[in-house]
Amino acid sequence: MRCPGCGYCESKVIDSRHLPEANSIRRRRECLACQKRFTTFEVLETVQIIVIKKNGGKELFDKQKLLSGVLKATEKRPVDAVTLVDEIEAELQNTLRQEVSSTEIGEMVMRKLKECDEVAYVRFASVYREFKDIDTFLAELNGLKISSQS
């Protein structure tokens, strides 16, 4: 980091503070040449994720849209929807892929909901898998019952 006063490349960090709302770190630095103090901010670089929808269309990943769907499924259930969505977003960022299918995201949500709350899982599955009739709904419930017994 170059000193804004003299342009010298070496500085020492005097103070660091995490700024959670900005997902960044604020650092107070002091130039080793002229002793001028200055502030820098480090921000985590994230990948813009493009979601490929079932119809082939593409749109930017919208965390709020995903949260909205998960909140509907977890309403009045002991599930922290915000944390669940944060975990999914982190997983997507960690893959470093720029494009991901909506199907893949849906399956990630289903997997996480199945682990933490079966009722929320069934609620989400009923919308995500577009159950057409009671038989498909019962088949999903029976599959859930069999997997939870083993």
C-alpha atoms as a PDB file:
ATOM      1  CA  MET A   1       0.000   0.000   0.000  1.00  0.00           C
ATOM      2  CA  ARG A   2       1.551   3.292  -1.087  1.00  0.00           C
ATOM      3  CA  CYS A   3       1.537   6.215   1.328  1.00  0.00           C
ATOM      4  CA  PRO A   4      -0.754   8.975   0.013  1.00  0.00           C
ATOM      5  CA  GLY A   5       1.719  11.551   1.394  1.00  0.00           C
ATOM      6  CA  CYS A   6       5.122  10.468   0.096  1.00  0.00           C
ATOM      7  CA  GLY A   7       4.370   7.391  -2.061  1.00  0.00           C
ATOM      8  CA  TYR A   8       6.571   5.053  -0.006  1.00  0.00           C
ATOM      9  CA  CYS A   9       5.505   1.387  -0.310  1.00  0.00           C
ATOM     10  CA  GLU A  10       6.046   0.234   3.282  1.00  0.00           C
ATOM     11  CA  SER A  11       3.582   0.895   6.099  1.00  0.00           C
ATOM     12  CA  LYS A  12       2.596  -0.708   9.364  1.00  0.00           C
ATOM     13  CA  VAL A  13      -0.909  -1.464  10.564  1.00  0.00           C
ATOM     14  CA  ILE A  14      -1.799   0.421  13.744  1.00  0.00           C
ATOM     15  CA  ASP A  15      -5.431  -0.669  14.131  1.00  0.00           C
ATOM     16  CA  SER A  16      -7.833  -3.061  12.386  1.00  0.00           C
ATOM     17  CA  ARG A  17     -11.604  -3.153  12.713  1.00  0.00           C
ATOM     18  CA  HIS A  18     -14.057  -5.529  11.078  1.00  0.00           C
ATOM     19  CA  LEU A  19     -17.055  -3.771   9.518  1.00  0.00           C
ATOM     20  CA  PRO A  20     -19.702  -6.521   9.233  1.00  0.00           C
ATOM     21  CA  GLU A  21     -22.306  -4.350   7.482  1.00  0.00           C
ATOM     22  CA  ALA A  22     -19.865  -3.625   4.662  1.00  0.00           C
ATOM     23  CA  ASN A  23     -18.184  -7.055   4.836  1.00  0.00           C
ATOM     24  CA  SER A  24     -14.845  -5.287   5.009  1.00  0.00           C
ATOM     25  CA  ILE A  25     -11.905  -4.480   7.283  1.00  0.00           C
ATOM     26  CA  ARG A  26     -10.877  -0.925   8.115  1.00  0.00           C
ATOM     27  CA  ARG A  27      -7.146  -0.513   8.779  1.00  0.00           C
ATOM     28  CA  ARG A  28      -5.278   2.498  10.168  1.00  0.00           C
ATOM     29  CA  ARG A  29      -1.759   2.533   8.777  1.00  0.00           C
ATOM     30  CA  GLU A  30       1.385   4.543   9.350  1.00  0.00           C
ATOM     31  CA  CYS A  31       3.983   5.173   6.646  1.00  0.00           C
ATOM     32  CA  LEU A  32       7.427   3.927   7.678  1.00  0.00           C
ATOM     33  CA  ALA A  33       9.121   6.793   5.819  1.00  0.00           C
ATOM     34  CA  CYS A  34       7.155   9.961   6.716  1.00  0.00           C
ATOM     35  CA  GLN A  35       5.029   8.650   9.649  1.00  0.00           C
ATOM     36  CA  LYS A  36       1.850   9.987   7.998  1.00  0.00           C
ATOM     37  CA  ARG A  37      -1.239   8.021   9.063  1.00  0.00           C
ATOM     38  CA  PHE A  38      -3.923   6.935   6.626  1.00  0.00           C
ATOM     39  CA  THR A  39      -6.902   4.575   6.447  1.00  0.00           C
ATOM     40  CA  THR A  40      -7.453   1.677   4.067  1.00  0.00           C
ATOM     41  CA  PHE A  41     -10.397  -0.653   3.566  1.00  0.00           C
ATOM     42  CA  GLU A  42     -10.134  -4.278   2.516  1.00  0.00           C
ATOM     43  CA  VAL A  43     -13.230  -5.702   0.862  1.00  0.00           C
ATOM     44  CA  LEU A  44     -13.799  -9.338   0.051  1.00  0.00           C
ATOM     45  CA  GLU A  45     -14.015  -9.758  -3.691  1.00  0.00           C
ATOM     46  CA  THR A  46     -17.005 -11.833  -4.702  1.00  0.00           C
ATOM     47  CA  VAL A  47     -17.923 -13.502  -7.962  1.00  0.00           C
ATOM     48  CA  GLN A  48     -21.067 -12.341  -9.741  1.00  0.00           C
ATOM     49  CA  ILE A  49     -23.131 -15.510  -9.977  1.00  0.00           C
ATOM     50  CA  ILE A  50     -25.489 -15.937 -12.911  1.00  0.00           C
ATOM     51  CA  VAL A  51     -28.413 -18.292 -12.407  1.00  0.00           C
ATOM     52  CA  ILE A  52     -29.512 -20.348 -15.393  1.00  0.00           C
ATOM     53  CA  LYS A  53     -33.251 -20.802 -15.045  1.00  0.00           C
ATOM     54  CA  LYS A  54     -35.243 -23.865 -16.094  1.00  0.00           C
ATOM     55  CA  ASN A  55     -36.469 -22.082 -19.230  1.00  0.00           C
ATOM     56  CA  GLY A  56     -32.865 -21.297 -20.245  1.00  0.00           C
ATOM     57  CA  GLY A  57     -33.018 -17.646 -19.265  1.00  0.00           C
ATOM     58  CA  LYS A  58     -30.254 -16.101 -17.187  1.00  0.00           C
ATOM     59  CA  GLU A  59     -30.357 -13.663 -14.292  1.00  0.00           C
ATOM     60  CA  LEU A  60     -28.049 -12.499 -11.523  1.00  0.00           C
ATOM     61  CA  PHE A  61     -28.208 -14.464  -8.284  1.00  0.00           C
ATOM     62  CA  ASP A  62     -30.644 -12.689  -5.975  1.00  0.00           C
ATOM     63  CA  LYS A  63     -30.126 -13.595  -2.341  1.00  0.00           C
ATOM     64  CA  GLN A  64     -33.365 -11.852  -1.341  1.00  0.00           C
ATOM     65  CA  LYS A  65     -35.371 -13.910  -3.838  1.00  0.00           C
ATOM     66  CA  LEU A  66     -33.917 -17.139  -2.433  1.00  0.00           C
ATOM     67  CA  LEU A  67     -34.516 -15.953   1.128  1.00  0.00           C
ATOM     68  CA  SER A  68     -38.132 -15.168   0.305  1.00  0.00           C
ATOM     69  CA  GLY A  69     -38.754 -18.741  -0.871  1.00  0.00           C
ATOM     70  CA  VAL A  70     -36.973 -20.272   2.109  1.00  0.00           C
ATOM     71  CA  LEU A  71     -38.860 -18.005   4.547  1.00  0.00           C
ATOM     72  CA  LYS A  72     -42.179 -19.237   3.137  1.00  0.00           C
ATOM     73  CA  ALA A  73     -41.117 -22.855   3.643  1.00  0.00           C
ATOM     74  CA  THR A  74     -39.770 -22.263   7.149  1.00  0.00           C
ATOM     75  CA  GLU A  75     -42.594 -20.070   8.428  1.00  0.00           C
ATOM     76  CA  LYS A  76     -43.425 -20.991  12.056  1.00  0.00           C
ATOM     77  CA  ARG A  77     -40.682 -23.634  12.006  1.00  0.00           C
ATOM     78  CA  PRO A  78     -37.509 -23.716  14.141  1.00  0.00           C
ATOM     79  CA  VAL A  79     -35.213 -22.964  11.200  1.00  0.00           C
ATOM     80  CA  ASP A  80     -32.958 -19.940  10.801  1.00  0.00           C
ATOM     81  CA  ALA A  81     -33.698 -19.150   7.165  1.00  0.00           C
ATOM     82  CA  VAL A  82     -31.176 -16.297   6.980  1.00  0.00           C
ATOM     83  CA  THR A  83     -28.314 -18.525   8.133  1.00  0.00           C
ATOM     84  CA  LEU A  84     -29.383 -21.276   5.732  1.00  0.00           C
ATOM     85  CA  VAL A  85     -29.392 -18.859   2.780  1.00  0.00           C
ATOM     86  CA  ASP A  86     -26.046 -17.385   3.896  1.00  0.00           C
ATOM     87  CA  GLU A  87     -24.562 -20.905   3.897  1.00  0.00           C
ATOM     88  CA  ILE A  88     -25.880 -21.570   0.392  1.00  0.00           C
ATOM     89  CA  GLU A  89     -24.513 -18.258  -0.901  1.00  0.00           C
ATOM     90  CA  ALA A  90     -21.122 -19.019   0.676  1.00  0.00           C
ATOM     91  CA  GLU A  91     -21.089 -22.472  -0.954  1.00  0.00           C
ATOM     92  CA  LEU A  92     -21.876 -20.911  -4.324  1.00  0.00           C
ATOM     93  CA  GLN A  93     -19.141 -18.288  -3.891  1.00  0.00           C
ATOM     94  CA  ASN A  94     -16.635 -20.963  -2.857  1.00  0.00           C
ATOM     95  CA  THR A  95     -17.177 -22.921  -6.066  1.00  0.00           C
ATOM     96  CA  LEU A  96     -15.881 -19.870  -7.984  1.00  0.00           C
ATOM     97  CA  ARG A  97     -18.235 -20.768 -10.815  1.00  0.00           C
ATOM     98  CA  GLN A  98     -19.839 -17.847 -12.578  1.00  0.00           C
ATOM     99  CA  GLU A  99     -22.919 -19.765 -13.702  1.00  0.00           C
ATOM    100  CA  VAL A 100     -25.090 -22.155 -11.716  1.00  0.00           C
ATOM    101  CA  SER A 101     -28.458 -23.684 -12.560  1.00  0.00           C
ATOM    102  CA  SER A 102     -31.570 -22.870 -10.558  1.00  0.00           C
ATOM    103  CA  THR A 103     -32.023 -26.634 -10.228  1.00  0.00           C
ATOM    104  CA  GLU A 104     -28.688 -26.928  -8.463  1.00  0.00           C
ATOM    105  CA  ILE A 105     -29.609 -24.128  -6.054  1.00  0.00           C
ATOM    106  CA  GLY A 106     -32.985 -25.750  -5.393  1.00  0.00           C
ATOM    107  CA  GLU A 107     -31.318 -29.063  -4.615  1.00  0.00           C
ATOM    108  CA  MET A 108     -28.930 -27.329  -2.206  1.00  0.00           C
ATOM    109  CA  VAL A 109     -31.901 -25.815  -0.356  1.00  0.00           C
ATOM    110  CA  MET A 110     -33.700 -29.172  -0.303  1.00  0.00           C
ATOM    111  CA  ARG A 111     -30.634 -30.933   1.112  1.00  0.00           C
ATOM    112  CA  LYS A 112     -30.179 -28.367   3.885  1.00  0.00           C
ATOM    113  CA  LEU A 113     -33.878 -28.296   4.782  1.00  0.00           C
ATOM    114  CA  LYS A 114     -34.040 -32.088   4.858  1.00  0.00           C
ATOM    115  CA  GLU A 115     -31.185 -32.103   7.393  1.00  0.00           C
ATOM    116  CA  CYS A 116     -32.734 -29.542   9.735  1.00  0.00           C
ATOM    117  CA  ASP A 117     -36.556 -29.679   9.402  1.00  0.00           C
ATOM    118  CA  GLU A 118     -38.644 -32.204   7.481  1.00  0.00           C
ATOM    119  CA  VAL A 119     -41.807 -30.082   7.498  1.00  0.00           C
ATOM    120  CA  ALA A 120     -39.988 -27.124   5.938  1.00  0.00           C
ATOM    121  CA  TYR A 121     -38.414 -29.570   3.474  1.00  0.00           C
ATOM    122  CA  VAL A 122     -41.829 -30.849   2.354  1.00  0.00           C
ATOM    123  CA  ARG A 123     -43.193 -27.301   2.074  1.00  0.00           C
ATOM    124  CA  PHE A 124     -40.279 -26.236  -0.112  1.00  0.00           C
ATOM    125  CA  ALA A 125     -40.404 -29.453  -2.148  1.00  0.00           C
ATOM    126  CA  SER A 126     -44.108 -29.008  -2.883  1.00  0.00           C
ATOM    127  CA  VAL A 127     -43.413 -25.698  -4.621  1.00  0.00           C
ATOM    128  CA  TYR A 128     -39.960 -26.492  -6.030  1.00  0.00           C
ATOM    129  CA  ARG A 129     -40.878 -29.876  -7.478  1.00  0.00           C
ATOM    130  CA  GLU A 130     -44.293 -28.606  -8.592  1.00  0.00           C
ATOM    131  CA  PHE A 131     -46.343 -31.478  -7.221  1.00  0.00           C
ATOM    132  CA  LYS A 132     -49.249 -31.973  -9.602  1.00  0.00           C
ATOM    133  CA  ASP A 133     -51.399 -34.232  -7.451  1.00  0.00           C
ATOM    134  CA  ILE A 134     -51.668 -36.000  -4.099  1.00  0.00           C
ATOM    135  CA  ASP A 135     -49.854 -39.096  -5.398  1.00  0.00           C
ATOM    136  CA  THR A 136     -46.633 -37.199  -6.123  1.00  0.00           C
ATOM    137  CA  PHE A 137     -46.919 -35.524  -2.735  1.00  0.00           C
ATOM    138  CA  LEU A 138     -47.384 -38.894  -1.005  1.00  0.00           C
ATOM    139  CA  ALA A 139     -44.474 -40.386  -2.927  1.00  0.00           C
ATOM    140  CA  GLU A 140     -42.221 -37.598  -1.630  1.00  0.00           C
ATOM    141  CA  LEU A 141     -43.497 -38.114   1.925  1.00  0.00           C
ATOM    142  CA  ASN A 142     -42.916 -41.875   1.684  1.00  0.00           C
ATOM    143  CA  GLY A 143     -39.389 -41.285   0.387  1.00  0.00           C
ATOM    144  CA  LEU A 144     -38.753 -38.931   3.289  1.00  0.00           C
ATOM    145  CA  LYS A 145     -40.134 -41.452   5.758  1.00  0.00           C
ATOM    146  CA  ILE A 146     -37.958 -44.256   4.377  1.00  0.00           C
ATOM    147  CA  SER A 147     -34.802 -42.104   4.416  1.00  0.00           C
ATOM    148  CA  SER A 148     -35.413 -40.945   7.999  1.00  0.00           C
ATOM    149  CA  GLN A 149     -35.854 -44.552   9.212  1.00  0.00           C
ATOM    150  CA  SER A 150     -32.503 -45.670   7.837  1.00  0.00           C
END
